[in-house]
Amino acid sequence: MMAPFVSLALKVSEKMEFTDKNARGIAMRFCKLYPPEKIGRIIEKAQMFPWWRNYPQAAFMKAIGIINKEEKNI
């Protein structure tokens, strides 16, 4: 049986269309750190960028920064 964050990371990789191992590893790390609700908000924010399909890893990382900043200011 795999850990819950592993299945979440696989779903993130699929939704964000990550193709390289580095991007999947980053998704795995952040899925281990953050709850699923926050990961969902990160994916939504990342997919708002018009360039996210060309640079999914960069969009994911930028969205993490934006969500963290929003939470910090609340």
N, C-alpha and C. Protein backbone atom coordinates (compact mmCIF):
# COMPACT_ATOMS: atom_id res chain seq x y z
N MET A 1 0.84 -1.19 0.00
CA MET A 1 0.00 0.00 0.00
C MET A 1 0.89 1.25 0.00
N MET A 2 0.57 2.19 -0.88
CA MET A 2 1.39 3.40 -0.95
C MET A 2 0.83 4.48 -0.03
N ALA A 3 1.68 5.39 0.36
CA ALA A 3 1.29 6.49 1.23
C ALA A 3 0.30 7.40 0.50
N PRO A 4 -0.60 8.06 1.24
CA PRO A 4 -1.60 8.92 0.60
C PRO A 4 -1.00 10.04 -0.25
N PHE A 5 0.13 10.58 0.18
CA PHE A 5 0.72 11.68 -0.58
C PHE A 5 1.27 11.21 -1.93
N VAL A 6 1.59 9.93 -2.04
CA VAL A 6 2.10 9.40 -3.31
C VAL A 6 0.99 9.40 -4.36
N SER A 7 -0.19 8.94 -3.98
CA SER A 7 -1.30 8.95 -4.94
C SER A 7 -1.69 10.37 -5.30
N LEU A 8 -1.62 11.29 -4.33
CA LEU A 8 -1.90 12.70 -4.61
C LEU A 8 -0.86 13.26 -5.58
N ALA A 9 0.39 12.93 -5.37
CA ALA A 9 1.46 13.42 -6.25
C ALA A 9 1.29 12.88 -7.67
N LEU A 10 0.84 11.65 -7.80
CA LEU A 10 0.60 11.09 -9.13
C LEU A 10 -0.54 11.82 -9.83
N LYS A 11 -1.58 12.18 -9.07
CA LYS A 11 -2.68 12.95 -9.65
C LYS A 11 -2.23 14.34 -10.06
N VAL A 12 -1.38 14.96 -9.22
CA VAL A 12 -0.84 16.28 -9.55
C VAL A 12 -0.02 16.20 -10.83
N SER A 13 0.83 15.19 -10.93
CA SER A 13 1.67 15.02 -12.12
C SER A 13 0.81 14.86 -13.37
N GLU A 14 -0.30 14.16 -13.22
CA GLU A 14 -1.20 13.96 -14.36
C GLU A 14 -1.92 15.26 -14.73
N LYS A 15 -2.46 15.96 -13.74
CA LYS A 15 -3.18 17.21 -14.01
C LYS A 15 -2.28 18.30 -14.57
N MET A 16 -1.06 18.38 -14.04
CA MET A 16 -0.13 19.42 -14.49
C MET A 16 0.66 18.98 -15.72
N GLU A 17 0.44 17.75 -16.16
CA GLU A 17 1.10 17.21 -17.34
C GLU A 17 2.63 17.22 -17.22
N PHE A 18 3.12 16.83 -16.02
CA PHE A 18 4.56 16.73 -15.81
C PHE A 18 5.07 15.52 -16.58
N THR A 19 6.15 15.71 -17.33
CA THR A 19 6.71 14.60 -18.10
C THR A 19 8.09 14.17 -17.61
N ASP A 20 8.81 15.05 -16.92
CA ASP A 20 10.15 14.67 -16.48
C ASP A 20 10.16 14.28 -15.00
N LYS A 21 11.16 13.51 -14.62
CA LYS A 21 11.26 13.00 -13.26
C LYS A 21 11.47 14.11 -12.24
N ASN A 22 12.18 15.15 -12.61
CA ASN A 22 12.44 16.25 -11.70
C ASN A 22 11.13 16.91 -11.27
N ALA A 23 10.26 17.17 -12.22
CA ALA A 23 8.97 17.80 -11.91
C ALA A 23 8.11 16.88 -11.04
N ARG A 24 8.13 15.60 -11.33
CA ARG A 24 7.37 14.64 -10.51
C ARG A 24 7.92 14.58 -9.09
N GLY A 25 9.23 14.69 -8.96
CA GLY A 25 9.85 14.69 -7.63
C GLY A 25 9.46 15.92 -6.83
N ILE A 26 9.40 17.05 -7.50
CA ILE A 26 8.97 18.29 -6.83
C ILE A 26 7.52 18.15 -6.37
N ALA A 27 6.67 17.61 -7.23
CA ALA A 27 5.27 17.40 -6.85
C ALA A 27 5.19 16.48 -5.64
N MET A 28 6.02 15.44 -5.63
CA MET A 28 6.03 14.49 -4.52
C MET A 28 6.40 15.20 -3.21
N ARG A 29 7.43 16.03 -3.27
CA ARG A 29 7.87 16.75 -2.06
C ARG A 29 6.79 17.66 -1.51
N PHE A 30 6.14 18.41 -2.40
CA PHE A 30 5.13 19.35 -1.93
C PHE A 30 3.84 18.66 -1.51
N CYS A 31 3.52 17.52 -2.11
CA CYS A 31 2.35 16.76 -1.68
C CYS A 31 2.58 16.16 -0.30
N LYS A 32 3.83 15.93 0.04
CA LYS A 32 4.16 15.42 1.36
C LYS A 32 4.04 16.54 2.41
N LEU A 33 4.34 17.78 2.00
CA LEU A 33 4.32 18.92 2.92
C LEU A 33 2.93 19.52 3.14
N TYR A 34 2.15 19.62 2.07
CA TYR A 34 0.89 20.36 2.12
C TYR A 34 -0.31 19.44 2.09
N PRO A 35 -1.43 19.88 2.71
CA PRO A 35 -2.66 19.08 2.66
C PRO A 35 -3.27 19.08 1.25
N PRO A 36 -4.09 18.10 0.94
CA PRO A 36 -4.69 18.01 -0.40
C PRO A 36 -5.47 19.26 -0.83
N GLU A 37 -6.14 19.91 0.12
CA GLU A 37 -6.92 21.11 -0.22
C GLU A 37 -6.00 22.21 -0.75
N LYS A 38 -4.85 22.37 -0.12
CA LYS A 38 -3.91 23.39 -0.56
C LYS A 38 -3.30 23.02 -1.91
N ILE A 39 -3.02 21.77 -2.11
CA ILE A 39 -2.49 21.31 -3.41
C ILE A 39 -3.51 21.60 -4.51
N GLY A 40 -4.79 21.40 -4.21
CA GLY A 40 -5.85 21.70 -5.17
C GLY A 40 -5.87 23.17 -5.55
N ARG A 41 -5.71 24.04 -4.55
CA ARG A 41 -5.67 25.49 -4.83
C ARG A 41 -4.43 25.84 -5.64
N ILE A 42 -3.33 25.18 -5.36
CA ILE A 42 -2.08 25.43 -6.11
C ILE A 42 -2.27 25.04 -7.58
N ILE A 43 -2.89 23.89 -7.83
CA ILE A 43 -3.11 23.46 -9.21
C ILE A 43 -4.02 24.44 -9.94
N GLU A 44 -5.10 24.85 -9.27
CA GLU A 44 -6.02 25.82 -9.90
C GLU A 44 -5.29 27.10 -10.26
N LYS A 45 -4.49 27.60 -9.33
CA LYS A 45 -3.75 28.84 -9.57
C LYS A 45 -2.74 28.65 -10.70
N ALA A 46 -2.05 27.53 -10.71
CA ALA A 46 -1.03 27.26 -11.75
C ALA A 46 -1.67 27.20 -13.13
N GLN A 47 -2.85 26.62 -13.21
CA GLN A 47 -3.49 26.48 -14.51
C GLN A 47 -4.15 27.78 -14.99
N MET A 48 -4.14 28.82 -14.17
CA MET A 48 -4.63 30.13 -14.59
C MET A 48 -3.62 30.86 -15.47
N PHE A 49 -2.35 30.50 -15.33
CA PHE A 49 -1.32 31.16 -16.14
C PHE A 49 -1.49 30.71 -17.59
N PRO A 50 -1.46 31.65 -18.54
CA PRO A 50 -1.64 31.26 -19.95
C PRO A 50 -0.51 30.38 -20.48
N TRP A 51 0.63 30.40 -19.85
CA TRP A 51 1.80 29.66 -20.32
C TRP A 51 2.03 28.36 -19.56
N TRP A 52 1.08 27.93 -18.74
CA TRP A 52 1.33 26.77 -17.88
C TRP A 52 1.58 25.48 -18.66
N ARG A 53 0.98 25.32 -19.82
CA ARG A 53 1.20 24.08 -20.59
C ARG A 53 2.62 23.98 -21.13
N ASN A 54 3.21 25.12 -21.45
CA ASN A 54 4.59 25.13 -21.95
C ASN A 54 5.60 24.94 -20.83
N TYR A 55 5.29 25.46 -19.65
CA TYR A 55 6.21 25.39 -18.50
C TYR A 55 5.44 24.97 -17.24
N PRO A 56 4.97 23.72 -17.19
CA PRO A 56 4.14 23.32 -16.06
C PRO A 56 4.86 23.34 -14.72
N GLN A 57 6.14 23.00 -14.71
CA GLN A 57 6.89 22.99 -13.46
C GLN A 57 7.04 24.41 -12.92
N ALA A 58 7.35 25.36 -13.79
CA ALA A 58 7.48 26.76 -13.37
C ALA A 58 6.14 27.31 -12.89
N ALA A 59 5.06 26.95 -13.57
CA ALA A 59 3.73 27.41 -13.16
C ALA A 59 3.38 26.86 -11.78
N PHE A 60 3.70 25.60 -11.55
CA PHE A 60 3.43 24.97 -10.25
C PHE A 60 4.20 25.67 -9.14
N MET A 61 5.48 25.92 -9.37
CA MET A 61 6.31 26.57 -8.36
C MET A 61 5.85 28.01 -8.10
N LYS A 62 5.50 28.74 -9.15
CA LYS A 62 5.02 30.11 -8.99
C LYS A 62 3.71 30.12 -8.21
N ALA A 63 2.83 29.19 -8.52
CA ALA A 63 1.55 29.10 -7.81
C ALA A 63 1.76 28.79 -6.33
N ILE A 64 2.74 27.97 -6.01
CA ILE A 64 3.05 27.69 -4.60
C ILE A 64 3.43 28.98 -3.89
N GLY A 65 4.29 29.78 -4.52
CA GLY A 65 4.70 31.04 -3.93
C GLY A 65 3.53 31.99 -3.73
N ILE A 66 2.65 32.06 -4.70
CA ILE A 66 1.49 32.96 -4.61
C ILE A 66 0.54 32.51 -3.50
N ILE A 67 0.24 31.23 -3.44
CA ILE A 67 -0.67 30.70 -2.42
C ILE A 67 -0.07 30.91 -1.03
N ASN A 68 1.22 30.65 -0.87
CA ASN A 68 1.86 30.84 0.43
C ASN A 68 1.82 32.31 0.85
N LYS A 69 2.05 33.20 -0.10
CA LYS A 69 2.02 34.63 0.20
C LYS A 69 0.61 35.07 0.59
N GLU A 70 -0.41 34.55 -0.13
CA GLU A 70 -1.80 34.87 0.21
C GLU A 70 -2.13 34.40 1.62
N GLU A 71 -1.71 33.20 1.97
CA GLU A 71 -1.99 32.66 3.30
C GLU A 71 -1.26 33.45 4.38
N LYS A 72 -0.08 33.91 4.07
CA LYS A 72 0.71 34.67 5.04
C LYS A 72 0.06 36.02 5.33
N ASN A 73 -0.57 36.62 4.32
CA ASN A 73 -1.18 37.93 4.47
C ASN A 73 -2.56 37.89 5.12
N ILE A 74 -3.12 36.71 5.27
CA ILE A 74 -4.46 36.60 5.88
C ILE A 74 -4.38 36.73 7.37
